[in-house]
Amino acid sequence: MTDPTAPITQDVVTFPRRDTAAATGKVNLVGLTREELRAALIAAGTPEKQAKMRVGQIWQWIYQKGVREFDAMTNLAKEYRALLDEKFEIRVPELVTKQVSDDGTRKYLVRIAGGHEVEIVYIPEEDRGTLCVSSQVGCTLTCSFCHTGT
């Protein structure tokens, strides 16, 4: 049981961003803002005049089409895709387990940056649903149905 009088602790990085760079030498594009993505592309050699267009293209591939490999970004030149692959990665949290109960409740255990695990729970209701997303590793709410707070 967590001491209710304990001070709030520093948040742990819970979404893969730049922290993967130390392990792979590559910057993870997932989670960057458009401005951060633009700056990263320019730093990697994208001409400044092309940066806004490239951000739009890459953003669409990652967030609208769900692409996880630069080679699939067919509206980018092969040489540019090779540059992106050399400097960046597209890494999303890994689904560890999925459970569905008889009432339709769904629990997902997700591995995030640093190998930490958090849980996402969807509780359906007749005309709506509730989504509980752990905001940090080691959540102190200790919900009985959730892995994160245990």
N, C-alpha and C. Protein backbone atom coordinates (compact mmCIF):
# COMPACT_ATOMS: atom_id res chain seq x y z
N MET A 1 0.85 -1.18 0.00
CA MET A 1 0.00 0.00 0.00
C MET A 1 0.89 1.24 0.00
N THR A 2 0.51 2.21 -0.76
CA THR A 2 1.27 3.45 -0.87
C THR A 2 0.91 4.38 0.28
N ASP A 3 1.92 5.03 0.84
CA ASP A 3 1.71 6.00 1.91
C ASP A 3 0.99 7.22 1.33
N PRO A 4 -0.26 7.52 1.81
CA PRO A 4 -1.00 8.64 1.23
C PRO A 4 -0.37 9.99 1.51
N THR A 5 0.56 10.07 2.46
CA THR A 5 1.21 11.35 2.77
C THR A 5 2.53 11.51 2.03
N ALA A 6 2.92 10.50 1.27
CA ALA A 6 4.19 10.56 0.53
C ALA A 6 4.12 11.67 -0.52
N PRO A 7 5.25 12.34 -0.77
CA PRO A 7 5.24 13.40 -1.79
C PRO A 7 5.06 12.81 -3.18
N ILE A 8 4.58 13.64 -4.08
CA ILE A 8 4.43 13.22 -5.47
C ILE A 8 5.83 13.05 -6.05
N THR A 9 6.03 11.93 -6.72
CA THR A 9 7.35 11.65 -7.28
C THR A 9 7.46 12.19 -8.70
N GLN A 10 8.68 12.31 -9.15
CA GLN A 10 8.95 12.76 -10.52
C GLN A 10 8.32 11.79 -11.50
N ASP A 11 7.70 12.32 -12.55
CA ASP A 11 7.13 11.46 -13.58
C ASP A 11 8.22 10.67 -14.28
N VAL A 12 7.88 9.47 -14.69
CA VAL A 12 8.76 8.63 -15.48
C VAL A 12 8.38 8.82 -16.94
N VAL A 13 9.34 8.82 -17.84
CA VAL A 13 9.01 8.94 -19.26
C VAL A 13 8.13 7.76 -19.63
N THR A 14 6.95 8.05 -20.15
CA THR A 14 6.00 6.97 -20.41
C THR A 14 5.63 6.83 -21.88
N PHE A 15 6.32 7.51 -22.74
CA PHE A 15 6.02 7.38 -24.16
C PHE A 15 7.34 7.50 -24.91
N PRO A 16 7.59 6.61 -25.83
CA PRO A 16 8.89 6.66 -26.49
C PRO A 16 9.05 7.92 -27.31
N ARG A 17 10.05 8.70 -26.98
CA ARG A 17 10.38 9.90 -27.75
C ARG A 17 11.86 9.89 -28.01
N ARG A 18 12.52 10.88 -27.50
CA ARG A 18 13.95 11.02 -27.74
C ARG A 18 14.78 10.04 -26.90
N ASP A 19 14.18 9.42 -25.88
CA ASP A 19 14.95 8.53 -25.01
C ASP A 19 15.50 7.32 -25.73
N THR A 20 14.96 6.97 -26.87
CA THR A 20 15.46 5.82 -27.62
C THR A 20 16.75 6.16 -28.35
N ALA A 21 17.05 7.43 -28.48
CA ALA A 21 18.24 7.84 -29.22
C ALA A 21 19.51 7.29 -28.60
N ALA A 22 19.56 7.20 -27.28
CA ALA A 22 20.76 6.70 -26.62
C ALA A 22 21.02 5.24 -26.98
N ALA A 23 19.97 4.44 -27.10
CA ALA A 23 20.13 3.03 -27.39
C ALA A 23 20.38 2.76 -28.87
N THR A 24 19.72 3.49 -29.75
CA THR A 24 19.81 3.20 -31.18
C THR A 24 20.55 4.26 -31.98
N GLY A 25 20.76 5.41 -31.38
CA GLY A 25 21.35 6.51 -32.12
C GLY A 25 20.34 7.21 -33.01
N LYS A 26 19.08 6.77 -32.97
CA LYS A 26 18.02 7.34 -33.80
C LYS A 26 16.99 8.04 -32.92
N VAL A 27 16.37 9.07 -33.47
CA VAL A 27 15.31 9.79 -32.78
C VAL A 27 13.97 9.17 -33.19
N ASN A 28 13.14 8.86 -32.20
CA ASN A 28 11.81 8.34 -32.48
C ASN A 28 10.90 9.49 -32.89
N LEU A 29 10.28 9.39 -34.05
CA LEU A 29 9.41 10.46 -34.52
C LEU A 29 8.04 10.45 -33.84
N VAL A 30 7.64 9.31 -33.30
CA VAL A 30 6.34 9.22 -32.65
C VAL A 30 6.36 10.06 -31.37
N GLY A 31 5.38 10.92 -31.26
CA GLY A 31 5.26 11.76 -30.08
C GLY A 31 5.82 13.16 -30.25
N LEU A 32 6.56 13.41 -31.32
CA LEU A 32 7.06 14.76 -31.56
C LEU A 32 5.92 15.65 -32.04
N THR A 33 5.96 16.91 -31.68
CA THR A 33 5.03 17.88 -32.25
C THR A 33 5.45 18.15 -33.68
N ARG A 34 4.60 18.83 -34.42
CA ARG A 34 4.97 19.18 -35.80
C ARG A 34 6.21 20.07 -35.82
N GLU A 35 6.30 21.00 -34.89
CA GLU A 35 7.47 21.89 -34.84
C GLU A 35 8.73 21.11 -34.46
N GLU A 36 8.62 20.18 -33.51
CA GLU A 36 9.78 19.34 -33.15
C GLU A 36 10.20 18.47 -34.33
N LEU A 37 9.22 17.94 -35.05
CA LEU A 37 9.52 17.12 -36.23
C LEU A 37 10.23 17.97 -37.29
N ARG A 38 9.75 19.16 -37.51
CA ARG A 38 10.37 20.08 -38.48
C ARG A 38 11.83 20.35 -38.10
N ALA A 39 12.06 20.66 -36.84
CA ALA A 39 13.43 20.95 -36.37
C ALA A 39 14.32 19.72 -36.53
N ALA A 40 13.79 18.54 -36.22
CA ALA A 40 14.58 17.31 -36.34
C ALA A 40 14.93 17.03 -37.80
N LEU A 41 13.98 17.25 -38.69
CA LEU A 41 14.24 17.03 -40.12
C LEU A 41 15.30 17.98 -40.65
N ILE A 42 15.21 19.24 -40.25
CA ILE A 42 16.21 20.23 -40.68
C ILE A 42 17.59 19.86 -40.14
N ALA A 43 17.64 19.45 -38.87
CA ALA A 43 18.92 19.05 -38.27
C ALA A 43 19.52 17.83 -38.98
N ALA A 44 18.66 16.99 -39.56
CA ALA A 44 19.13 15.80 -40.26
C ALA A 44 19.50 16.07 -41.71
N GLY A 45 19.28 17.31 -42.17
CA GLY A 45 19.69 17.65 -43.52
C GLY A 45 18.58 18.00 -44.49
N THR A 46 17.34 18.02 -44.04
CA THR A 46 16.24 18.44 -44.92
C THR A 46 16.36 19.94 -45.17
N PRO A 47 16.34 20.36 -46.44
CA PRO A 47 16.39 21.80 -46.71
C PRO A 47 15.23 22.52 -46.03
N GLU A 48 15.52 23.66 -45.46
CA GLU A 48 14.52 24.41 -44.70
C GLU A 48 13.28 24.74 -45.54
N LYS A 49 13.47 25.00 -46.82
CA LYS A 49 12.34 25.32 -47.70
C LYS A 49 11.41 24.12 -47.90
N GLN A 50 11.93 22.91 -47.73
CA GLN A 50 11.12 21.70 -47.91
C GLN A 50 10.54 21.17 -46.60
N ALA A 51 10.99 21.69 -45.49
CA ALA A 51 10.67 21.10 -44.19
C ALA A 51 9.17 21.04 -43.91
N LYS A 52 8.45 22.12 -44.17
CA LYS A 52 7.01 22.13 -43.88
C LYS A 52 6.29 21.06 -44.70
N MET A 53 6.64 20.95 -45.98
CA MET A 53 6.03 19.93 -46.83
C MET A 53 6.37 18.53 -46.33
N ARG A 54 7.63 18.31 -45.97
CA ARG A 54 8.06 16.99 -45.49
C ARG A 54 7.37 16.62 -44.19
N VAL A 55 7.19 17.59 -43.30
CA VAL A 55 6.46 17.33 -42.05
C VAL A 55 5.06 16.83 -42.37
N GLY A 56 4.37 17.51 -43.29
CA GLY A 56 3.02 17.10 -43.67
C GLY A 56 2.98 15.69 -44.24
N GLN A 57 3.93 15.38 -45.10
CA GLN A 57 3.98 14.04 -45.70
C GLN A 57 4.23 12.96 -44.64
N ILE A 58 5.25 13.16 -43.83
CA ILE A 58 5.62 12.16 -42.83
C ILE A 58 4.51 12.02 -41.79
N TRP A 59 3.93 13.14 -41.39
CA TRP A 59 2.83 13.13 -40.41
C TRP A 59 1.67 12.27 -40.92
N GLN A 60 1.33 12.46 -42.18
CA GLN A 60 0.24 11.69 -42.77
C GLN A 60 0.57 10.20 -42.79
N TRP A 61 1.79 9.85 -43.15
CA TRP A 61 2.17 8.43 -43.20
C TRP A 61 2.11 7.80 -41.81
N ILE A 62 2.60 8.51 -40.81
CA ILE A 62 2.65 7.93 -39.46
C ILE A 62 1.28 7.91 -38.80
N TYR A 63 0.59 9.05 -38.80
CA TYR A 63 -0.62 9.18 -37.99
C TYR A 63 -1.93 8.91 -38.72
N GLN A 64 -1.96 9.01 -40.03
CA GLN A 64 -3.19 8.72 -40.76
C GLN A 64 -3.16 7.35 -41.41
N LYS A 65 -1.99 6.95 -41.89
CA LYS A 65 -1.89 5.67 -42.58
C LYS A 65 -1.28 4.57 -41.72
N GLY A 66 -0.72 4.94 -40.58
CA GLY A 66 -0.20 3.94 -39.65
C GLY A 66 1.08 3.25 -40.09
N VAL A 67 1.84 3.88 -40.97
CA VAL A 67 3.07 3.29 -41.49
C VAL A 67 4.15 3.29 -40.41
N ARG A 68 4.91 2.21 -40.32
CA ARG A 68 5.98 2.08 -39.33
C ARG A 68 7.35 1.91 -39.97
N GLU A 69 7.42 1.92 -41.30
CA GLU A 69 8.68 1.78 -42.03
C GLU A 69 8.79 2.90 -43.06
N PHE A 70 9.94 3.52 -43.13
CA PHE A 70 10.14 4.62 -44.07
C PHE A 70 10.03 4.16 -45.53
N ASP A 71 10.40 2.91 -45.82
CA ASP A 71 10.31 2.40 -47.19
C ASP A 71 8.89 2.43 -47.73
N ALA A 72 7.90 2.40 -46.85
CA ALA A 72 6.50 2.42 -47.29
C ALA A 72 6.01 3.81 -47.67
N MET A 73 6.80 4.82 -47.40
CA MET A 73 6.41 6.22 -47.68
C MET A 73 6.72 6.53 -49.14
N THR A 74 5.87 6.05 -50.02
CA THR A 74 6.16 6.03 -51.45
C THR A 74 6.14 7.39 -52.13
N ASN A 75 5.63 8.43 -51.48
CA ASN A 75 5.69 9.76 -52.11
C ASN A 75 6.96 10.51 -51.72
N LEU A 76 7.88 9.83 -51.05
CA LEU A 76 9.20 10.39 -50.73
C LEU A 76 10.25 9.69 -51.59
N ALA A 77 11.23 10.43 -52.04
CA ALA A 77 12.31 9.85 -52.86
C ALA A 77 13.04 8.77 -52.06
N LYS A 78 13.53 7.75 -52.76
CA LYS A 78 14.24 6.66 -52.09
C LYS A 78 15.43 7.16 -51.29
N GLU A 79 16.15 8.13 -51.83
CA GLU A 79 17.31 8.67 -51.12
C GLU A 79 16.88 9.35 -49.82
N TYR A 80 15.76 10.05 -49.86
CA TYR A 80 15.26 10.73 -48.67
C TYR A 80 14.78 9.71 -47.63
N ARG A 81 14.12 8.64 -48.10
CA ARG A 81 13.70 7.57 -47.18
C ARG A 81 14.90 6.92 -46.52
N ALA A 82 15.99 6.76 -47.27
CA ALA A 82 17.22 6.19 -46.69
C ALA A 82 17.78 7.11 -45.62
N LEU A 83 17.76 8.41 -45.86
CA LEU A 83 18.21 9.38 -44.86
C LEU A 83 17.36 9.29 -43.60
N LEU A 84 16.04 9.23 -43.79
CA LEU A 84 15.14 9.13 -42.63
C LEU A 84 15.43 7.86 -41.83
N ASP A 85 15.62 6.75 -42.54
CA ASP A 85 15.89 5.48 -41.87
C ASP A 85 17.20 5.50 -41.10
N GLU A 86 18.16 6.24 -41.61
CA GLU A 86 19.47 6.35 -40.95
C GLU A 86 19.39 7.18 -39.67
N LYS A 87 18.57 8.21 -39.67
CA LYS A 87 18.53 9.17 -38.55
C LYS A 87 17.38 8.96 -37.57
N PHE A 88 16.30 8.33 -38.03
CA PHE A 88 15.07 8.27 -37.23
C PHE A 88 14.51 6.86 -37.15
N GLU A 89 13.56 6.70 -36.24
CA GLU A 89 12.78 5.47 -36.16
C GLU A 89 11.33 5.84 -35.88
N ILE A 90 10.46 4.88 -36.13
CA ILE A 90 9.03 5.04 -35.85
C ILE A 90 8.68 3.90 -34.90
N ARG A 91 8.65 4.21 -33.63
CA ARG A 91 8.42 3.16 -32.64
C ARG A 91 7.23 3.52 -31.75
N VAL A 92 6.27 2.64 -31.71
CA VAL A 92 5.08 2.84 -30.88
C VAL A 92 5.13 1.86 -29.71
N PRO A 93 4.34 2.12 -28.66
CA PRO A 93 4.30 1.17 -27.55
C PRO A 93 3.91 -0.23 -28.04
N GLU A 94 4.43 -1.25 -27.36
CA GLU A 94 4.21 -2.64 -27.74
C GLU A 94 3.06 -3.23 -26.93
N LEU A 95 2.10 -3.86 -27.61
CA LEU A 95 1.00 -4.53 -26.93
C LEU A 95 1.53 -5.84 -26.34
N VAL A 96 1.46 -5.98 -25.02
CA VAL A 96 1.96 -7.18 -24.34
C VAL A 96 0.84 -8.20 -24.21
N THR A 97 -0.30 -7.77 -23.67
CA THR A 97 -1.45 -8.66 -23.53
C THR A 97 -2.74 -7.90 -23.79
N LYS A 98 -3.74 -8.64 -24.21
CA LYS A 98 -5.08 -8.09 -24.41
C LYS A 98 -6.05 -9.08 -23.77
N GLN A 99 -6.95 -8.56 -22.94
CA GLN A 99 -7.96 -9.39 -22.30
C GLN A 99 -9.32 -8.78 -22.56
N VAL A 100 -10.31 -9.62 -22.87
CA VAL A 100 -11.68 -9.16 -23.06
C VAL A 100 -12.57 -9.98 -22.14
N SER A 101 -13.34 -9.29 -21.30
CA SER A 101 -14.22 -10.01 -20.37
C SER A 101 -15.59 -10.22 -21.01
N ASP A 102 -16.43 -11.00 -20.34
CA ASP A 102 -17.77 -11.30 -20.84
C ASP A 102 -18.62 -10.05 -21.03
N ASP A 103 -18.40 -9.04 -20.20
CA ASP A 103 -19.21 -7.81 -20.32
C ASP A 103 -18.65 -6.84 -21.35
N GLY A 104 -17.58 -7.23 -22.05
CA GLY A 104 -17.01 -6.39 -23.10
C GLY A 104 -15.86 -5.50 -22.64
N THR A 105 -15.58 -5.49 -21.35
CA THR A 105 -14.45 -4.70 -20.86
C THR A 105 -13.17 -5.24 -21.49
N ARG A 106 -12.32 -4.32 -21.93
CA ARG A 106 -11.06 -4.71 -22.56
C ARG A 106 -9.90 -4.13 -21.76
N LYS A 107 -8.90 -4.97 -21.51
CA LYS A 107 -7.69 -4.53 -20.82
C LYS A 107 -6.50 -4.79 -21.74
N TYR A 108 -5.66 -3.79 -21.86
CA TYR A 108 -4.46 -3.90 -22.67
C TYR A 108 -3.26 -3.57 -21.79
N LEU A 109 -2.29 -4.45 -21.75
CA LEU A 109 -1.03 -4.17 -21.09
C LEU A 109 -0.05 -3.76 -22.18
N VAL A 110 0.54 -2.58 -22.02
CA VAL A 110 1.38 -1.99 -23.06
C VAL A 110 2.77 -1.72 -22.50
N ARG A 111 3.80 -2.13 -23.25
CA ARG A 111 5.19 -1.85 -22.87
C ARG A 111 5.62 -0.57 -23.57
N ILE A 112 6.14 0.35 -22.76
CA ILE A 112 6.54 1.65 -23.28
C ILE A 112 8.05 1.81 -23.14
N ALA A 113 8.53 3.01 -23.33
CA ALA A 113 9.96 3.29 -23.28
C ALA A 113 10.59 2.77 -22.00
N GLY A 114 11.78 2.26 -22.11
CA GLY A 114 12.50 1.76 -20.95
C GLY A 114 12.02 0.40 -20.47
N GLY A 115 11.12 -0.24 -21.21
CA GLY A 115 10.60 -1.54 -20.82
C GLY A 115 9.52 -1.48 -19.76
N HIS A 116 9.08 -0.29 -19.40
CA HIS A 116 8.02 -0.14 -18.40
C HIS A 116 6.69 -0.57 -19.00
N GLU A 117 5.77 -1.00 -18.13
CA GLU A 117 4.46 -1.42 -18.59
C GLU A 117 3.36 -0.61 -17.92
N VAL A 118 2.36 -0.24 -18.71
CA VAL A 118 1.18 0.45 -18.21
C VAL A 118 -0.04 -0.25 -18.78
N GLU A 119 -1.18 0.01 -18.17
CA GLU A 119 -2.40 -0.64 -18.61
C GLU A 119 -3.42 0.37 -19.10
N ILE A 120 -4.16 -0.04 -20.08
CA ILE A 120 -5.26 0.74 -20.63
C ILE A 120 -6.51 -0.13 -20.49
N VAL A 121 -7.57 0.43 -19.93
CA VAL A 121 -8.80 -0.32 -19.73
C VAL A 121 -9.95 0.43 -20.38
N TYR A 122 -10.73 -0.28 -21.20
CA TYR A 122 -11.94 0.29 -21.80
C TYR A 122 -13.13 -0.43 -21.18
N ILE A 123 -14.03 0.35 -20.59
CA ILE A 123 -15.22 -0.20 -19.94
C ILE A 123 -16.44 0.29 -20.73
N PRO A 124 -17.09 -0.61 -21.49
CA PRO A 124 -18.23 -0.18 -22.30
C PRO A 124 -19.49 -0.03 -21.45
N GLU A 125 -20.30 0.92 -21.86
CA GLU A 125 -21.62 1.09 -21.26
C GLU A 125 -22.61 1.17 -22.41
N GLU A 126 -23.89 1.17 -22.10
CA GLU A 126 -24.90 1.09 -23.15
C GLU A 126 -24.78 2.20 -24.19
N ASP A 127 -24.62 3.43 -23.74
CA ASP A 127 -24.59 4.55 -24.68
C ASP A 127 -23.25 5.28 -24.73
N ARG A 128 -22.26 4.73 -24.05
CA ARG A 128 -20.94 5.36 -24.04
C ARG A 128 -19.93 4.36 -23.47
N GLY A 129 -18.71 4.81 -23.29
CA GLY A 129 -17.69 3.96 -22.68
C GLY A 129 -16.74 4.80 -21.87
N THR A 130 -16.02 4.15 -20.98
CA THR A 130 -15.01 4.81 -20.16
C THR A 130 -13.65 4.25 -20.54
N LEU A 131 -12.69 5.13 -20.72
CA LEU A 131 -11.33 4.71 -21.05
C LEU A 131 -10.41 5.17 -19.95
N CYS A 132 -9.72 4.24 -19.32
CA CYS A 132 -8.75 4.54 -18.27
C CYS A 132 -7.37 4.29 -18.86
N VAL A 133 -6.57 5.33 -18.91
CA VAL A 133 -5.21 5.21 -19.44
C VAL A 133 -4.25 5.60 -18.34
N SER A 134 -3.36 4.69 -17.97
CA SER A 134 -2.37 5.01 -16.95
C SER A 134 -1.52 6.17 -17.44
N SER A 135 -1.38 7.17 -16.62
CA SER A 135 -0.61 8.34 -17.02
C SER A 135 0.85 8.23 -16.63
N GLN A 136 1.18 7.26 -15.82
CA GLN A 136 2.57 7.07 -15.44
C GLN A 136 2.78 5.64 -14.95
N VAL A 137 3.99 5.18 -14.98
CA VAL A 137 4.33 3.88 -14.43
C VAL A 137 4.25 3.99 -12.92
N GLY A 138 3.63 3.01 -12.27
CA GLY A 138 3.52 3.05 -10.82
C GLY A 138 2.41 3.95 -10.33
N CYS A 139 1.33 4.06 -11.09
CA CYS A 139 0.17 4.87 -10.72
C CYS A 139 -0.26 4.51 -9.30
N THR A 140 -0.58 5.50 -8.50
CA THR A 140 -0.89 5.26 -7.08
C THR A 140 -2.37 5.01 -6.81
N LEU A 141 -3.21 4.98 -7.83
CA LEU A 141 -4.64 4.76 -7.59
C LEU A 141 -4.95 3.32 -7.19
N THR A 142 -4.13 2.39 -7.56
CA THR A 142 -4.27 0.95 -7.26
C THR A 142 -5.67 0.42 -7.51
N CYS A 143 -6.22 0.71 -8.68
CA CYS A 143 -7.52 0.15 -9.06
C CYS A 143 -7.39 -1.37 -9.09
N SER A 144 -8.39 -2.07 -8.58
CA SER A 144 -8.30 -3.53 -8.45
C SER A 144 -8.18 -4.23 -9.80
N PHE A 145 -8.66 -3.61 -10.87
CA PHE A 145 -8.63 -4.24 -12.18
C PHE A 145 -7.39 -3.91 -12.99
N CYS A 146 -6.49 -3.08 -12.44
CA CYS A 146 -5.40 -2.53 -13.24
C CYS A 146 -4.03 -3.04 -12.81
N HIS A 147 -3.20 -3.37 -13.79
CA HIS A 147 -1.84 -3.87 -13.57
C HIS A 147 -0.88 -2.77 -13.13
N THR A 148 -1.09 -1.55 -13.61
CA THR A 148 -0.11 -0.48 -13.43
C THR A 148 0.11 -0.13 -11.97
N GLY A 149 -0.95 -0.06 -11.18
CA GLY A 149 -0.82 0.37 -9.79
C GLY A 149 -0.44 -0.73 -8.83
N THR A 150 -0.20 -1.92 -9.32
CA THR A 150 0.13 -3.03 -8.41
C THR A 150 1.61 -3.14 -8.16
